[in-house]
Amino acid sequence: MSTRFNVSVKKTYIQNGEEKSAWRQIGVAWEGEKGISGIIESVPTGGWDGRFVLFPADKQESPSQRRNASKDDYPF
């Protein structure tokens, strides 16, 4: 079985005068015999510098876990 990754970008925002960060998943990637392949499902807008991070898929919340989070957990 190949290693799977979530492709994420960092979004910074101001809350109560303090700078905070949140990670947004924009795609998936996996490690195969010839290297790492991936699919970008959405492209961030508004000042994105092209950087992204690969998080092991089993160590990051699933989309259903994020949907069940409190509205106060998100700045938008």
C-alpha atoms as a PDB file:
ATOM      1  CA  MET A   1       0.000   0.000   0.000  1.00  0.00           C
ATOM      2  CA  SER A   2       1.336   3.436  -0.913  1.00  0.00           C
ATOM      3  CA  THR A   3       1.745   6.294   1.506  1.00  0.00           C
ATOM      4  CA  ARG A   4      -1.015   8.904   1.090  1.00  0.00           C
ATOM      5  CA  PHE A   5      -0.718  12.621   1.810  1.00  0.00           C
ATOM      6  CA  ASN A   6      -3.084  15.563   2.118  1.00  0.00           C
ATOM      7  CA  VAL A   7      -1.855  18.573   0.128  1.00  0.00           C
ATOM      8  CA  SER A   8      -2.499  21.676   2.257  1.00  0.00           C
ATOM      9  CA  VAL A   9      -1.812  25.414   2.218  1.00  0.00           C
ATOM     10  CA  LYS A  10      -1.395  27.728   5.185  1.00  0.00           C
ATOM     11  CA  LYS A  11      -3.914  30.548   5.568  1.00  0.00           C
ATOM     12  CA  THR A  12      -3.163  33.299   8.079  1.00  0.00           C
ATOM     13  CA  TYR A  13      -5.805  35.535   9.601  1.00  0.00           C
ATOM     14  CA  ILE A  14      -6.244  38.003  12.446  1.00  0.00           C
ATOM     15  CA  GLN A  15      -8.515  37.113  15.366  1.00  0.00           C
ATOM     16  CA  ASN A  16      -8.848  39.388  18.387  1.00  0.00           C
ATOM     17  CA  GLY A  17      -5.756  41.299  17.238  1.00  0.00           C
ATOM     18  CA  GLU A  18      -3.639  38.135  17.133  1.00  0.00           C
ATOM     19  CA  GLU A  19      -2.296  36.488  13.965  1.00  0.00           C
ATOM     20  CA  LYS A  20      -3.373  32.860  13.651  1.00  0.00           C
ATOM     21  CA  SER A  21      -2.969  30.128  11.058  1.00  0.00           C
ATOM     22  CA  ALA A  22      -5.203  27.448   9.601  1.00  0.00           C
ATOM     23  CA  TRP A  23      -4.432  24.682   7.100  1.00  0.00           C
ATOM     24  CA  ARG A  24      -6.696  24.134   4.093  1.00  0.00           C
ATOM     25  CA  GLN A  25      -6.583  20.902   2.149  1.00  0.00           C
ATOM     26  CA  ILE A  26      -6.373  21.560  -1.598  1.00  0.00           C
ATOM     27  CA  GLY A  27      -5.606  18.075  -2.889  1.00  0.00           C
ATOM     28  CA  VAL A  28      -4.135  14.639  -2.314  1.00  0.00           C
ATOM     29  CA  ALA A  29      -0.823  12.944  -3.126  1.00  0.00           C
ATOM     30  CA  TRP A  30       0.586   9.440  -2.885  1.00  0.00           C
ATOM     31  CA  GLU A  31       3.982   7.799  -3.051  1.00  0.00           C
ATOM     32  CA  GLY A  32       4.464   5.215  -5.770  1.00  0.00           C
ATOM     33  CA  GLU A  33       7.292   3.262  -7.362  1.00  0.00           C
ATOM     34  CA  LYS A  34       8.516   6.218  -9.438  1.00  0.00           C
ATOM     35  CA  GLY A  35       8.047   9.016  -6.901  1.00  0.00           C
ATOM     36  CA  ILE A  36       5.240  11.142  -5.496  1.00  0.00           C
ATOM     37  CA  SER A  37       2.168  11.924  -7.624  1.00  0.00           C
ATOM     38  CA  GLY A  38      -0.751  14.142  -6.749  1.00  0.00           C
ATOM     39  CA  ILE A  39      -3.922  15.916  -7.718  1.00  0.00           C
ATOM     40  CA  ILE A  40      -4.675  19.545  -6.873  1.00  0.00           C
ATOM     41  CA  GLU A  41      -8.446  19.816  -6.487  1.00  0.00           C
ATOM     42  CA  SER A  42      -8.623  23.579  -5.896  1.00  0.00           C
ATOM     43  CA  VAL A  43      -6.269  26.526  -6.321  1.00  0.00           C
ATOM     44  CA  PRO A  44      -6.120  29.112  -3.522  1.00  0.00           C
ATOM     45  CA  THR A  45      -6.633  32.743  -4.464  1.00  0.00           C
ATOM     46  CA  GLY A  46      -5.703  36.022  -2.830  1.00  0.00           C
ATOM     47  CA  GLY A  47      -1.977  36.185  -2.266  1.00  0.00           C
ATOM     48  CA  TRP A  48      -1.064  32.488  -2.483  1.00  0.00           C
ATOM     49  CA  ASP A  49       2.688  32.200  -3.054  1.00  0.00           C
ATOM     50  CA  GLY A  50       2.553  28.678  -4.525  1.00  0.00           C
ATOM     51  CA  ARG A  51       3.799  26.886  -1.409  1.00  0.00           C
ATOM     52  CA  PHE A  52       2.076  23.795  -0.071  1.00  0.00           C
ATOM     53  CA  VAL A  53       2.751  21.103   2.536  1.00  0.00           C
ATOM     54  CA  LEU A  54       2.212  17.343   2.383  1.00  0.00           C
ATOM     55  CA  PHE A  55       0.776  15.965   5.627  1.00  0.00           C
ATOM     56  CA  PRO A  56       0.494  12.180   6.099  1.00  0.00           C
ATOM     57  CA  ALA A  57      -3.191  11.471   5.466  1.00  0.00           C
ATOM     58  CA  ASP A  58      -3.608   9.373   8.609  1.00  0.00           C
ATOM     59  CA  LYS A  59      -2.371  12.197  10.876  1.00  0.00           C
ATOM     60  CA  GLN A  60      -4.702  14.972   9.742  1.00  0.00           C
ATOM     61  CA  GLU A  61      -8.428  15.375  10.363  1.00  0.00           C
ATOM     62  CA  SER A  62     -10.743  13.912   7.781  1.00  0.00           C
ATOM     63  CA  PRO A  63     -13.183  16.261   5.997  1.00  0.00           C
ATOM     64  CA  SER A  64     -16.052  14.818   8.064  1.00  0.00           C
ATOM     65  CA  GLN A  65     -14.196  15.644  11.302  1.00  0.00           C
ATOM     66  CA  ARG A  66     -13.677  19.230  10.091  1.00  0.00           C
ATOM     67  CA  ARG A  67     -17.386  19.559   9.204  1.00  0.00           C
ATOM     68  CA  ASN A  68     -18.333  18.536  12.753  1.00  0.00           C
ATOM     69  CA  ALA A  69     -16.087  21.165  14.379  1.00  0.00           C
ATOM     70  CA  SER A  70     -17.606  24.140  16.154  1.00  0.00           C
ATOM     71  CA  LYS A  71     -18.176  27.300  14.110  1.00  0.00           C
ATOM     72  CA  ASP A  72     -15.917  29.095  16.598  1.00  0.00           C
ATOM     73  CA  ASP A  73     -12.980  26.966  15.417  1.00  0.00           C
ATOM     74  CA  TYR A  74     -12.895  28.817  12.079  1.00  0.00           C
ATOM     75  CA  PRO A  75     -12.336  32.525  11.390  1.00  0.00           C
ATOM     76  CA  PHE A  76     -14.852  32.612   8.495  1.00  0.00           C
END
